[in-house]
């Protein structure tokens, strides 16, 4: 059976390397500390719902979207006991929500896969964000390449080519490019989307967790 992007990511979640384990714990701590109680939250690229599950003690006013059918099915199954949480099959480049709908928008380890559309997805998240709200993202840092390659090799990911630190996988996986960023590159992307970085926390050599505002 063909394994898609979400299939590989779920394997990472099930058996993380030390670097990824550190990232997942840092994300959990950051979200717990920075999402206001009972706020309305949109998780863009929600995958199997792991991040949503993490923030349920804070708020249940949550919508998750993903464009992968398997991800949506898995998230709905994982969150079946919390029917007020909505999981929607949708395109992050054209979010099916009105302007200024959410207090917080999450985009965890997903911007890395958006290639030429990174600014567009940031603009869409900004559009649906309420004034005074926040966007929280996590991305691979400029030092992440060895840890990324360790995981790709461990999972047998079908790599087609590597250009610098940009990895292209076989198209069968879905979102088939993965990038990493310096803080300067992130600042430029965010500025192009008419956003600004309020805070940026480095997680070991693997990632950054950043808070963006309008």
C-alpha atoms as a PDB file:
ATOM      1  CA  UNK A   1       0.000   0.000   0.000  1.00  0.00           C
ATOM      2  CA  UNK A   2       1.330   3.470  -0.914  1.00  0.00           C
ATOM      3  CA  UNK A   3       2.393   5.597   2.056  1.00  0.00           C
ATOM      4  CA  UNK A   4       1.456   9.279   1.904  1.00  0.00           C
ATOM      5  CA  UNK A   5       3.006  12.237   3.692  1.00  0.00           C
ATOM      6  CA  UNK A   6       0.691  11.818   6.686  1.00  0.00           C
ATOM      7  CA  UNK A   7       1.547   8.127   6.849  1.00  0.00           C
ATOM      8  CA  UNK A   8       5.249   8.917   7.222  1.00  0.00           C
ATOM      9  CA  UNK A   9       4.552  11.673   9.756  1.00  0.00           C
ATOM     10  CA  UNK A  10       2.424   9.362  11.888  1.00  0.00           C
ATOM     11  CA  UNK A  11       5.373   6.945  11.995  1.00  0.00           C
ATOM     12  CA  UNK A  12       7.583   9.803  13.252  1.00  0.00           C
ATOM     13  CA  UNK A  13       5.037  10.544  15.982  1.00  0.00           C
ATOM     14  CA  UNK A  14       4.884   6.900  17.038  1.00  0.00           C
ATOM     15  CA  UNK A  15       8.648   6.431  17.365  1.00  0.00           C
ATOM     16  CA  UNK A  16      10.406   9.819  17.429  1.00  0.00           C
ATOM     17  CA  UNK A  17      14.163  10.228  17.450  1.00  0.00           C
ATOM     18  CA  UNK A  18      15.547  12.246  20.404  1.00  0.00           C
ATOM     19  CA  UNK A  19      15.561  15.466  18.329  1.00  0.00           C
ATOM     20  CA  UNK A  20      11.919  15.065  17.330  1.00  0.00           C
ATOM     21  CA  UNK A  21      10.919  14.013  20.833  1.00  0.00           C
ATOM     22  CA  UNK A  22      12.444  17.271  22.101  1.00  0.00           C
ATOM     23  CA  UNK A  23      10.488  19.206  19.445  1.00  0.00           C
ATOM     24  CA  UNK A  24       7.154  17.598  20.281  1.00  0.00           C
ATOM     25  CA  UNK A  25       7.619  18.304  23.984  1.00  0.00           C
ATOM     26  CA  UNK A  26       8.643  21.919  23.254  1.00  0.00           C
ATOM     27  CA  UNK A  27       5.578  22.419  21.042  1.00  0.00           C
ATOM     28  CA  UNK A  28       3.323  21.034  23.763  1.00  0.00           C
ATOM     29  CA  UNK A  29       4.822  23.344  26.385  1.00  0.00           C
ATOM     30  CA  UNK A  30       4.703  26.397  24.103  1.00  0.00           C
ATOM     31  CA  UNK A  31       1.080  25.881  23.072  1.00  0.00           C
ATOM     32  CA  UNK A  32      -0.003  25.237  26.645  1.00  0.00           C
ATOM     33  CA  UNK A  33       1.669  28.463  27.773  1.00  0.00           C
ATOM     34  CA  UNK A  34       0.598  30.716  24.865  1.00  0.00           C
ATOM     35  CA  UNK A  35      -2.965  29.750  23.890  1.00  0.00           C
ATOM     36  CA  UNK A  36      -5.511  31.658  25.990  1.00  0.00           C
ATOM     37  CA  UNK A  37      -8.153  29.603  27.758  1.00  0.00           C
ATOM     38  CA  UNK A  38     -11.345  29.014  25.729  1.00  0.00           C
ATOM     39  CA  UNK A  39      -9.982  30.834  22.679  1.00  0.00           C
ATOM     40  CA  UNK A  40     -11.127  29.903  19.171  1.00  0.00           C
ATOM     41  CA  UNK A  41      -8.327  27.968  17.461  1.00  0.00           C
ATOM     42  CA  UNK A  42      -7.731  26.878  13.868  1.00  0.00           C
ATOM     43  CA  UNK A  43      -5.105  24.179  13.246  1.00  0.00           C
ATOM     44  CA  UNK A  44      -3.975  24.448   9.604  1.00  0.00           C
ATOM     45  CA  UNK A  45      -2.503  21.137   8.476  1.00  0.00           C
ATOM     46  CA  UNK A  46      -3.840  19.310  11.522  1.00  0.00           C
ATOM     47  CA  UNK A  47      -2.611  15.887  10.403  1.00  0.00           C
ATOM     48  CA  UNK A  48      -3.934  13.121  12.632  1.00  0.00           C
ATOM     49  CA  UNK A  49      -5.102  15.575  15.303  1.00  0.00           C
ATOM     50  CA  UNK A  50      -2.172  15.179  17.706  1.00  0.00           C
ATOM     51  CA  UNK A  51      -1.740  18.931  18.239  1.00  0.00           C
ATOM     52  CA  UNK A  52      -5.474  19.398  18.754  1.00  0.00           C
ATOM     53  CA  UNK A  53      -5.455  16.632  21.337  1.00  0.00           C
ATOM     54  CA  UNK A  54      -2.638  18.451  23.149  1.00  0.00           C
ATOM     55  CA  UNK A  55      -4.623  21.678  23.547  1.00  0.00           C
ATOM     56  CA  UNK A  56      -7.998  20.174  24.533  1.00  0.00           C
ATOM     57  CA  UNK A  57      -7.408  21.011  28.226  1.00  0.00           C
ATOM     58  CA  UNK A  58      -7.125  24.695  27.208  1.00  0.00           C
ATOM     59  CA  UNK A  59     -10.018  25.015  24.776  1.00  0.00           C
ATOM     60  CA  UNK A  60     -12.470  22.881  22.861  1.00  0.00           C
ATOM     61  CA  UNK A  61     -13.394  25.646  20.451  1.00  0.00           C
ATOM     62  CA  UNK A  62     -11.157  24.134  17.769  1.00  0.00           C
ATOM     63  CA  UNK A  63     -11.293  23.532  14.033  1.00  0.00           C
ATOM     64  CA  UNK A  64      -8.667  21.455  12.243  1.00  0.00           C
ATOM     65  CA  UNK A  65      -8.177  21.412   8.474  1.00  0.00           C
ATOM     66  CA  UNK A  66      -6.070  19.194   6.248  1.00  0.00           C
ATOM     67  CA  UNK A  67      -6.087  18.435   2.528  1.00  0.00           C
ATOM     68  CA  UNK A  68      -5.164  14.774   3.068  1.00  0.00           C
ATOM     69  CA  UNK A  69      -8.173  12.448   3.279  1.00  0.00           C
ATOM     70  CA  UNK A  70      -6.311   9.957   5.488  1.00  0.00           C
ATOM     71  CA  UNK A  71      -5.261  12.735   7.871  1.00  0.00           C
ATOM     72  CA  UNK A  72      -8.863  13.935   8.204  1.00  0.00           C
ATOM     73  CA  UNK A  73     -10.126  10.393   8.789  1.00  0.00           C
ATOM     74  CA  UNK A  74      -7.437   9.701  11.393  1.00  0.00           C
ATOM     75  CA  UNK A  75      -8.061  13.015  13.183  1.00  0.00           C
ATOM     76  CA  UNK A  76     -11.802  12.443  13.304  1.00  0.00           C
ATOM     77  CA  UNK A  77     -11.218   8.985  14.771  1.00  0.00           C
ATOM     78  CA  UNK A  78      -8.722  10.261  17.351  1.00  0.00           C
ATOM     79  CA  UNK A  79     -11.072  13.085  18.388  1.00  0.00           C
ATOM     80  CA  UNK A  80     -14.335  11.162  18.154  1.00  0.00           C
ATOM     81  CA  UNK A  81     -14.995  11.648  21.879  1.00  0.00           C
ATOM     82  CA  UNK A  82     -14.944  15.452  21.458  1.00  0.00           C
ATOM     83  CA  UNK A  83     -17.658  16.059  18.832  1.00  0.00           C
ATOM     84  CA  UNK A  84     -17.537  19.852  19.264  1.00  0.00           C
ATOM     85  CA  UNK A  85     -14.051  19.816  17.667  1.00  0.00           C
ATOM     86  CA  UNK A  86     -14.519  20.067  13.900  1.00  0.00           C
ATOM     87  CA  UNK A  87     -12.155  18.434  11.395  1.00  0.00           C
ATOM     88  CA  UNK A  88     -12.554  19.672   7.820  1.00  0.00           C
ATOM     89  CA  UNK A  89     -11.092  18.497   4.518  1.00  0.00           C
ATOM     90  CA  UNK A  90      -9.908  21.805   3.027  1.00  0.00           C
ATOM     91  CA  UNK A  91      -7.137  23.635   1.199  1.00  0.00           C
ATOM     92  CA  UNK A  92      -4.853  25.815   3.335  1.00  0.00           C
ATOM     93  CA  UNK A  93      -4.427  28.162   0.359  1.00  0.00           C
ATOM     94  CA  UNK A  94      -8.161  28.915   0.343  1.00  0.00           C
ATOM     95  CA  UNK A  95      -9.426  28.550   3.880  1.00  0.00           C
ATOM     96  CA  UNK A  96     -13.231  28.106   4.042  1.00  0.00           C
ATOM     97  CA  UNK A  97     -13.733  30.663   6.814  1.00  0.00           C
ATOM     98  CA  UNK A  98     -14.765  34.294   7.079  1.00  0.00           C
ATOM     99  CA  UNK A  99     -12.223  37.038   7.773  1.00  0.00           C
ATOM    100  CA  UNK A 100     -11.257  37.499  11.434  1.00  0.00           C
ATOM    101  CA  UNK A 101     -12.792  34.254  12.697  1.00  0.00           C
ATOM    102  CA  UNK A 102     -10.129  32.818  15.038  1.00  0.00           C
ATOM    103  CA  UNK A 103      -8.179  34.015  18.085  1.00  0.00           C
ATOM    104  CA  UNK A 104      -5.273  31.659  17.373  1.00  0.00           C
ATOM    105  CA  UNK A 105      -4.111  29.918  14.195  1.00  0.00           C
ATOM    106  CA  UNK A 106      -1.642  27.026  14.407  1.00  0.00           C
ATOM    107  CA  UNK A 107       0.631  25.751  11.636  1.00  0.00           C
ATOM    108  CA  UNK A 108       2.973  23.212  13.190  1.00  0.00           C
ATOM    109  CA  UNK A 109       5.767  21.733  11.040  1.00  0.00           C
ATOM    110  CA  UNK A 110       3.697  22.327   7.903  1.00  0.00           C
ATOM    111  CA  UNK A 111       5.017  25.537   6.332  1.00  0.00           C
ATOM    112  CA  UNK A 112       8.130  23.514   5.436  1.00  0.00           C
ATOM    113  CA  UNK A 113       6.094  21.702   2.746  1.00  0.00           C
ATOM    114  CA  UNK A 114       4.501  24.665   0.962  1.00  0.00           C
ATOM    115  CA  UNK A 115       7.222  25.473  -1.586  1.00  0.00           C
ATOM    116  CA  UNK A 116       6.247  28.588  -3.599  1.00  0.00           C
ATOM    117  CA  UNK A 117       3.001  28.980  -1.649  1.00  0.00           C
ATOM    118  CA  UNK A 118       4.495  29.810   1.750  1.00  0.00           C
ATOM    119  CA  UNK A 119       3.530  33.499   1.620  1.00  0.00           C
ATOM    120  CA  UNK A 120       0.033  32.667   0.362  1.00  0.00           C
ATOM    121  CA  UNK A 121      -0.701  30.288   3.232  1.00  0.00           C
ATOM    122  CA  UNK A 122       0.582  32.850   5.738  1.00  0.00           C
ATOM    123  CA  UNK A 123      -1.680  35.474   4.155  1.00  0.00           C
ATOM    124  CA  UNK A 124      -4.681  33.155   4.404  1.00  0.00           C
ATOM    125  CA  UNK A 125      -3.978  32.471   8.068  1.00  0.00           C
ATOM    126  CA  UNK A 126      -3.674  36.209   8.654  1.00  0.00           C
ATOM    127  CA  UNK A 127      -6.991  36.808   6.890  1.00  0.00           C
ATOM    128  CA  UNK A 128      -8.934  34.478   9.197  1.00  0.00           C
ATOM    129  CA  UNK A 129      -7.126  35.740  12.315  1.00  0.00           C
ATOM    130  CA  UNK A 130      -8.919  38.222  14.547  1.00  0.00           C
ATOM    131  CA  UNK A 131      -7.283  41.567  15.255  1.00  0.00           C
ATOM    132  CA  UNK A 132      -5.060  41.071  18.282  1.00  0.00           C
ATOM    133  CA  UNK A 133      -4.816  37.335  17.649  1.00  0.00           C
ATOM    134  CA  UNK A 134      -1.715  35.227  17.100  1.00  0.00           C
ATOM    135  CA  UNK A 135      -0.369  32.675  14.633  1.00  0.00           C
ATOM    136  CA  UNK A 136       1.928  29.997  16.063  1.00  0.00           C
ATOM    137  CA  UNK A 137       4.157  28.070  13.667  1.00  0.00           C
ATOM    138  CA  UNK A 138       7.005  25.605  13.925  1.00  0.00           C
ATOM    139  CA  UNK A 139       9.533  24.963  11.158  1.00  0.00           C
ATOM    140  CA  UNK A 140      12.846  23.234  10.615  1.00  0.00           C
ATOM    141  CA  UNK A 141      15.841  25.426  11.463  1.00  0.00           C
ATOM    142  CA  UNK A 142      18.961  25.877   9.362  1.00  0.00           C
ATOM    143  CA  UNK A 143      20.725  23.272  11.531  1.00  0.00           C
ATOM    144  CA  UNK A 144      18.078  20.546  11.072  1.00  0.00           C
ATOM    145  CA  UNK A 145      19.411  18.699   8.037  1.00  0.00           C
ATOM    146  CA  UNK A 146      21.243  15.827   9.815  1.00  0.00           C
ATOM    147  CA  UNK A 147      18.254  15.103  12.072  1.00  0.00           C
ATOM    148  CA  UNK A 148      15.869  15.257   9.115  1.00  0.00           C
ATOM    149  CA  UNK A 149      17.987  12.860   7.064  1.00  0.00           C
ATOM    150  CA  UNK A 150      18.205  10.463  10.007  1.00  0.00           C
ATOM    151  CA  UNK A 151      14.419  10.231  10.081  1.00  0.00           C
ATOM    152  CA  UNK A 152      13.984  10.049   6.298  1.00  0.00           C
ATOM    153  CA  UNK A 153      16.445   7.157   6.132  1.00  0.00           C
ATOM    154  CA  UNK A 154      14.901   5.426   9.149  1.00  0.00           C
ATOM    155  CA  UNK A 155      11.467   5.519   7.491  1.00  0.00           C
ATOM    156  CA  UNK A 156      12.691   4.646   4.013  1.00  0.00           C
ATOM    157  CA  UNK A 157      11.196   7.864   2.624  1.00  0.00           C
ATOM    158  CA  UNK A 158      11.353   7.870  -1.207  1.00  0.00           C
ATOM    159  CA  UNK A 159      13.796  10.744  -1.810  1.00  0.00           C
ATOM    160  CA  UNK A 160      14.066  11.833  -5.453  1.00  0.00           C
ATOM    161  CA  UNK A 161      16.682  14.552  -5.039  1.00  0.00           C
ATOM    162  CA  UNK A 162      18.407  16.836  -2.548  1.00  0.00           C
ATOM    163  CA  UNK A 163      19.276  20.419  -3.481  1.00  0.00           C
ATOM    164  CA  UNK A 164      21.187  22.090  -0.673  1.00  0.00           C
ATOM    165  CA  UNK A 165      18.916  21.343   2.296  1.00  0.00           C
ATOM    166  CA  UNK A 166      15.681  21.131   0.262  1.00  0.00           C
ATOM    167  CA  UNK A 167      14.555  17.521  -0.052  1.00  0.00           C
ATOM    168  CA  UNK A 168      12.203  16.395  -2.824  1.00  0.00           C
ATOM    169  CA  UNK A 169      10.322  13.132  -2.376  1.00  0.00           C
ATOM    170  CA  UNK A 170       8.400  11.012  -4.856  1.00  0.00           C
ATOM    171  CA  UNK A 171       5.087  12.689  -5.744  1.00  0.00           C
ATOM    172  CA  UNK A 172       3.216   9.715  -4.270  1.00  0.00           C
ATOM    173  CA  UNK A 173       3.731  11.104  -0.754  1.00  0.00           C
ATOM    174  CA  UNK A 174       1.615  14.207  -1.458  1.00  0.00           C
ATOM    175  CA  UNK A 175       3.374  17.345  -0.201  1.00  0.00           C
ATOM    176  CA  UNK A 176       6.693  16.211  -1.617  1.00  0.00           C
ATOM    177  CA  UNK A 177       9.163  19.011  -0.782  1.00  0.00           C
ATOM    178  CA  UNK A 178      10.616  19.793   2.617  1.00  0.00           C
ATOM    179  CA  UNK A 179      12.626  22.917   3.486  1.00  0.00           C
ATOM    180  CA  UNK A 180      14.386  24.449   6.458  1.00  0.00           C
ATOM    181  CA  UNK A 181      14.833  28.111   7.360  1.00  0.00           C
ATOM    182  CA  UNK A 182      17.112  30.623   9.003  1.00  0.00           C
ATOM    183  CA  UNK A 183      15.482  33.250  11.213  1.00  0.00           C
ATOM    184  CA  UNK A 184      16.271  35.826   8.533  1.00  0.00           C
ATOM    185  CA  UNK A 185      14.437  33.776   5.893  1.00  0.00           C
ATOM    186  CA  UNK A 186      11.454  33.455   8.222  1.00  0.00           C
ATOM    187  CA  UNK A 187      11.440  37.191   8.868  1.00  0.00           C
ATOM    188  CA  UNK A 188      11.358  37.868   5.116  1.00  0.00           C
ATOM    189  CA  UNK A 189       8.505  35.419   4.515  1.00  0.00           C
ATOM    190  CA  UNK A 190       6.491  36.826   7.383  1.00  0.00           C
ATOM    191  CA  UNK A 191       7.086  40.398   6.229  1.00  0.00           C
ATOM    192  CA  UNK A 192       5.917  39.514   2.695  1.00  0.00           C
ATOM    193  CA  UNK A 193       2.664  38.281   4.250  1.00  0.00           C
ATOM    194  CA  UNK A 194       2.272  41.594   6.139  1.00  0.00           C
ATOM    195  CA  UNK A 195       2.903  39.868   9.464  1.00  0.00           C
ATOM    196  CA  UNK A 196       5.616  40.240  12.073  1.00  0.00           C
ATOM    197  CA  UNK A 197       7.457  37.853  14.364  1.00  0.00           C
ATOM    198  CA  UNK A 198       6.624  38.609  17.987  1.00  0.00           C
ATOM    199  CA  UNK A 199       8.779  35.804  19.422  1.00  0.00           C
ATOM    200  CA  UNK A 200      10.908  32.948  18.096  1.00  0.00           C
ATOM    201  CA  UNK A 201      12.200  30.075  20.209  1.00  0.00           C
ATOM    202  CA  UNK A 202      14.891  27.681  19.000  1.00  0.00           C
ATOM    203  CA  UNK A 203      14.385  23.989  19.799  1.00  0.00           C
ATOM    204  CA  UNK A 204      17.789  22.285  19.790  1.00  0.00           C
ATOM    205  CA  UNK A 205      19.207  22.051  16.277  1.00  0.00           C
ATOM    206  CA  UNK A 206      15.914  20.893  14.745  1.00  0.00           C
ATOM    207  CA  UNK A 207      13.385  23.702  14.762  1.00  0.00           C
ATOM    208  CA  UNK A 208      12.006  27.109  15.624  1.00  0.00           C
ATOM    209  CA  UNK A 209       8.666  27.803  17.257  1.00  0.00           C
ATOM    210  CA  UNK A 210       7.504  31.315  16.358  1.00  0.00           C
ATOM    211  CA  UNK A 211       4.596  33.539  17.302  1.00  0.00           C
ATOM    212  CA  UNK A 212       3.348  35.875  14.572  1.00  0.00           C
ATOM    213  CA  UNK A 213       1.016  38.846  14.787  1.00  0.00           C
ATOM    214  CA  UNK A 214      -0.566  41.270  12.323  1.00  0.00           C
END
